[in-house]
N, C-alpha and C. Protein backbone atom coordinates (compact mmCIF):
# COMPACT_ATOMS: atom_id res chain seq x y z
N MET A 1 107.73 94.47 102.22
CA MET A 1 107.91 95.41 103.10
C MET A 1 109.35 95.41 103.66
N LYS A 2 109.95 96.57 103.85
CA LYS A 2 111.43 96.55 104.41
C LYS A 2 111.40 97.25 105.57
N ILE A 3 112.31 96.97 106.43
CA ILE A 3 112.61 97.81 107.58
C ILE A 3 113.94 98.33 107.37
N VAL A 4 114.01 99.78 107.65
CA VAL A 4 115.45 100.34 107.61
C VAL A 4 115.72 100.98 109.06
N CYS A 5 116.90 100.51 109.47
CA CYS A 5 117.42 101.00 110.74
C CYS A 5 118.53 101.97 110.45
N TYR A 6 118.55 103.02 111.09
CA TYR A 6 119.79 103.93 110.78
C TYR A 6 120.23 104.71 111.98
N SER A 7 121.51 105.24 111.91
CA SER A 7 122.21 105.81 112.98
C SER A 7 122.64 107.27 112.57
N ILE A 8 122.35 108.32 113.42
CA ILE A 8 122.88 109.56 113.08
C ILE A 8 123.59 110.25 114.11
N LYS A 9 124.05 109.41 115.09
CA LYS A 9 124.90 109.76 116.27
C LYS A 9 126.22 110.33 115.82
N HIS A 10 126.75 109.87 114.66
CA HIS A 10 128.12 110.26 114.30
C HIS A 10 128.02 111.68 113.50
N LEU A 11 126.76 112.27 113.21
CA LEU A 11 126.67 113.56 112.65
C LEU A 11 126.71 114.58 113.48
N LYS A 12 127.29 115.69 113.07
CA LYS A 12 127.35 117.10 113.79
C LYS A 12 125.85 117.36 114.08
N PRO A 13 125.52 118.33 115.20
CA PRO A 13 124.23 118.63 115.44
C PRO A 13 123.64 119.39 114.21
N VAL A 14 124.31 120.15 113.44
CA VAL A 14 123.66 120.93 112.40
C VAL A 14 123.29 119.99 111.26
N GLU A 15 124.18 118.96 111.01
CA GLU A 15 123.96 117.88 109.89
C GLU A 15 122.64 117.31 110.42
N ARG A 16 122.63 116.73 111.70
CA ARG A 16 121.39 116.03 112.22
C ARG A 16 120.15 116.77 111.93
N MET A 17 120.24 118.03 112.25
CA MET A 17 118.94 118.90 112.11
C MET A 17 118.51 118.99 110.65
N LYS A 18 119.59 119.20 109.70
CA LYS A 18 119.20 119.17 108.25
C LYS A 18 118.54 117.92 107.90
N PHE A 19 119.15 116.81 108.28
CA PHE A 19 118.62 115.30 107.96
C PHE A 19 117.18 115.23 108.53
N GLN A 20 116.89 115.52 109.72
CA GLN A 20 115.59 115.38 110.44
C GLN A 20 114.54 116.28 109.69
N ARG A 21 114.94 117.58 109.31
CA ARG A 21 113.92 118.33 108.55
C ARG A 21 113.68 117.84 107.27
N GLU A 22 114.79 117.32 106.54
CA GLU A 22 114.45 116.77 104.99
C GLU A 22 113.56 115.55 105.15
N MET A 23 113.76 114.78 106.18
CA MET A 23 113.29 113.55 106.40
C MET A 23 111.73 113.71 106.75
N TYR A 24 111.44 114.39 107.89
CA TYR A 24 110.10 114.57 108.37
C TYR A 24 109.45 115.94 108.28
N GLY A 25 110.02 116.97 107.82
CA GLY A 25 109.51 118.14 107.60
C GLY A 25 109.72 118.94 108.82
N PHE A 26 109.08 120.29 108.76
CA PHE A 26 109.20 121.19 110.14
C PHE A 26 108.21 122.24 109.85
N LYS A 27 108.04 123.06 110.94
CA LYS A 27 107.31 124.15 110.98
C LYS A 27 108.18 125.40 110.90
N ASP A 28 108.00 126.13 109.84
CA ASP A 28 108.78 127.30 109.57
C ASP A 28 108.00 128.65 110.06
N ILE A 29 108.55 129.30 111.06
CA ILE A 29 108.01 130.41 111.46
C ILE A 29 108.68 131.64 111.19
N SER A 30 108.08 132.74 110.46
CA SER A 30 109.05 133.89 110.14
C SER A 30 108.26 135.14 110.31
N ASN A 31 108.99 136.20 110.31
CA ASN A 31 108.51 137.67 110.63
C ASN A 31 107.93 137.67 112.00
N ASN A 32 108.70 137.37 113.10
CA ASN A 32 108.22 137.41 114.39
C ASN A 32 106.90 136.67 114.61
N SER A 33 106.87 135.52 114.21
CA SER A 33 105.68 134.64 114.22
C SER A 33 104.47 135.03 113.65
N LYS A 34 104.63 135.96 112.64
CA LYS A 34 103.35 136.44 111.88
C LYS A 34 103.05 135.38 110.95
N TYR A 35 103.94 134.74 110.37
CA TYR A 35 103.63 133.63 109.27
C TYR A 35 104.15 132.37 109.82
N VAL A 36 103.38 131.27 109.51
CA VAL A 36 103.83 129.93 109.81
C VAL A 36 103.55 129.16 108.58
N TYR A 37 104.53 128.44 108.28
CA TYR A 37 104.49 127.58 107.11
C TYR A 37 104.87 126.13 107.48
N HIS A 38 104.19 125.16 107.05
CA HIS A 38 104.45 123.73 107.27
C HIS A 38 105.23 123.24 106.18
N ARG A 39 106.53 122.98 106.37
CA ARG A 39 107.34 122.48 105.28
C ARG A 39 107.24 120.91 105.21
N GLN A 40 107.07 120.45 104.11
CA GLN A 40 106.85 118.90 104.05
C GLN A 40 108.17 118.21 103.89
N GLY A 41 108.48 117.08 104.55
CA GLY A 41 109.49 116.21 104.32
C GLY A 41 109.26 114.96 103.56
N LEU A 42 110.32 114.17 103.30
CA LEU A 42 110.11 113.02 102.47
C LEU A 42 109.10 112.19 102.95
N MET A 43 109.00 111.83 104.32
CA MET A 43 108.01 110.92 104.82
C MET A 43 106.73 111.43 105.06
N THR A 44 106.46 112.74 104.63
CA THR A 44 105.18 113.20 104.71
C THR A 44 104.14 112.57 103.86
N ASN A 45 104.63 112.21 102.56
CA ASN A 45 103.71 111.59 101.58
C ASN A 45 104.00 110.13 101.41
N ILE A 46 104.85 109.51 102.30
CA ILE A 46 105.10 108.04 102.03
C ILE A 46 104.38 107.49 103.41
N LYS A 47 103.56 106.38 102.93
CA LYS A 47 103.18 105.59 104.15
C LYS A 47 104.27 104.66 104.70
N HIS A 48 104.28 104.94 106.07
CA HIS A 48 105.43 104.25 106.71
C HIS A 48 104.89 103.95 108.14
N LYS A 49 105.61 103.22 108.90
CA LYS A 49 105.65 103.05 110.19
C LYS A 49 106.92 103.20 110.98
N LYS A 50 106.95 104.21 111.79
CA LYS A 50 108.17 104.50 112.48
C LYS A 50 108.30 103.58 113.66
N ILE A 51 109.47 102.91 113.94
CA ILE A 51 109.82 102.14 115.13
C ILE A 51 110.81 102.82 115.90
N TYR A 52 110.42 103.08 117.09
CA TYR A 52 111.40 103.84 118.08
C TYR A 52 111.83 105.07 117.26
N TYR A 53 113.15 105.53 117.58
CA TYR A 53 113.63 106.74 117.04
C TYR A 53 114.35 106.55 115.64
N THR A 54 114.84 105.34 115.38
CA THR A 54 115.69 105.13 114.22
C THR A 54 115.40 103.98 113.39
N GLY A 55 114.09 103.68 113.40
CA GLY A 55 113.56 102.55 112.47
C GLY A 55 112.35 102.93 111.86
N ILE A 56 112.33 102.44 110.47
CA ILE A 56 111.25 102.76 109.78
C ILE A 56 110.75 101.49 108.83
N ILE A 57 109.58 101.27 108.83
CA ILE A 57 109.09 100.27 107.86
C ILE A 57 108.40 100.81 106.75
N VAL A 58 108.81 100.57 105.51
CA VAL A 58 108.27 101.19 104.17
C VAL A 58 107.99 100.06 103.13
N ASN A 59 107.18 100.49 102.17
CA ASN A 59 107.07 99.55 100.97
C ASN A 59 108.25 99.55 100.21
N GLU A 60 108.49 98.40 99.55
CA GLU A 60 109.69 98.37 98.62
C GLU A 60 109.70 99.40 97.61
N LYS A 61 108.45 100.11 97.09
CA LYS A 61 108.44 100.94 96.08
C LYS A 61 108.88 102.35 96.62
N ASN A 62 108.86 102.63 97.78
CA ASN A 62 109.27 103.81 98.51
C ASN A 62 110.80 103.84 99.07
N LEU A 63 111.39 102.56 99.05
CA LEU A 63 112.56 102.23 99.58
C LEU A 63 113.70 103.01 98.92
N ASP A 64 113.72 103.26 97.67
CA ASP A 64 114.72 103.77 96.84
C ASP A 64 114.78 105.34 97.34
N LYS A 65 113.73 106.02 97.50
CA LYS A 65 113.67 107.43 97.92
C LYS A 65 114.41 107.60 99.24
N LEU A 66 114.02 106.64 100.14
CA LEU A 66 114.40 106.65 101.61
C LEU A 66 116.13 106.39 101.60
N VAL A 67 116.42 105.50 100.87
CA VAL A 67 117.74 105.01 100.83
C VAL A 67 118.64 106.32 100.26
N ARG A 68 118.21 106.77 99.14
CA ARG A 68 118.78 108.02 98.50
C ARG A 68 118.94 109.16 99.47
N LEU A 69 117.93 109.45 100.26
CA LEU A 69 118.19 110.56 101.40
C LEU A 69 119.12 110.22 102.36
N LEU A 70 119.16 108.93 102.73
CA LEU A 70 120.07 108.57 103.85
C LEU A 70 121.53 108.60 103.36
N LYS A 71 121.71 108.12 102.06
CA LYS A 71 123.11 108.27 101.51
C LYS A 71 123.44 109.68 101.25
N LYS A 72 122.63 110.61 100.97
CA LYS A 72 122.87 111.93 100.71
C LYS A 72 123.55 112.43 101.95
N HIS A 73 122.91 112.06 103.09
CA HIS A 73 123.35 112.74 104.45
C HIS A 73 124.40 111.82 105.07
N LYS A 74 124.91 110.88 104.35
CA LYS A 74 125.91 109.92 104.83
C LYS A 74 125.44 109.41 106.35
N VAL A 75 124.26 109.01 106.21
CA VAL A 75 123.71 108.31 107.42
C VAL A 75 124.02 106.78 107.40
N LYS A 76 124.42 106.19 108.50
CA LYS A 76 124.65 104.72 108.43
C LYS A 76 123.47 104.02 108.57
N MET A 77 123.28 102.91 107.74
CA MET A 77 121.92 102.29 107.76
C MET A 77 122.12 100.77 107.43
N HIS A 78 120.99 100.14 107.82
CA HIS A 78 120.90 98.67 107.54
C HIS A 78 119.30 98.49 107.07
N VAL A 79 119.34 97.55 105.95
CA VAL A 79 117.94 97.39 105.43
C VAL A 79 117.71 95.98 105.47
N ALA A 80 116.61 95.64 106.00
CA ALA A 80 116.08 94.05 106.07
C ALA A 80 114.81 93.85 105.55
N GLU A 81 114.44 92.63 105.16
CA GLU A 81 113.11 92.25 104.82
C GLU A 81 112.30 92.09 105.92
N VAL A 82 111.04 92.49 105.90
CA VAL A 82 109.99 92.18 106.99
C VAL A 82 109.03 91.05 106.48
N SER A 83 109.06 90.08 107.40
CA SER A 83 108.12 88.92 106.92
C SER A 83 106.94 88.78 107.88
N LYS A 84 105.78 88.37 107.33
CA LYS A 84 104.64 88.22 108.25
C LYS A 84 104.66 86.87 108.68
N SER A 85 104.65 86.49 109.75
CA SER A 85 104.63 85.16 110.25
C SER A 85 103.35 84.85 111.05
N SER A 86 102.89 83.57 110.89
CA SER A 86 101.84 83.26 111.67
C SER A 86 102.04 82.28 112.74
N LYS A 87 101.28 82.50 114.00
CA LYS A 87 101.50 81.68 114.94
C LYS A 87 100.63 80.36 114.88
N HIS A 88 101.36 79.30 115.24
CA HIS A 88 100.79 77.92 115.34
C HIS A 88 100.23 77.54 116.64
């Protein structure tokens, strides 16, 4: 498992919203709230654990998809290995 920490504070608000929508999905309301659609994001179908606002733990097989999205939006990131340790 890997932990990905990222920062979006350098992005403009419009870029930040595009990234968040592509990452987590959003609710699309059209025609004066007559129609409601739930648009899926990348993390909708990926098993993950969100840590605070900008940290995510994902399996290694899904890491490439996440990193590609972060690079696409020029998000600053750091990836590290997560190890399970036992207490003695």
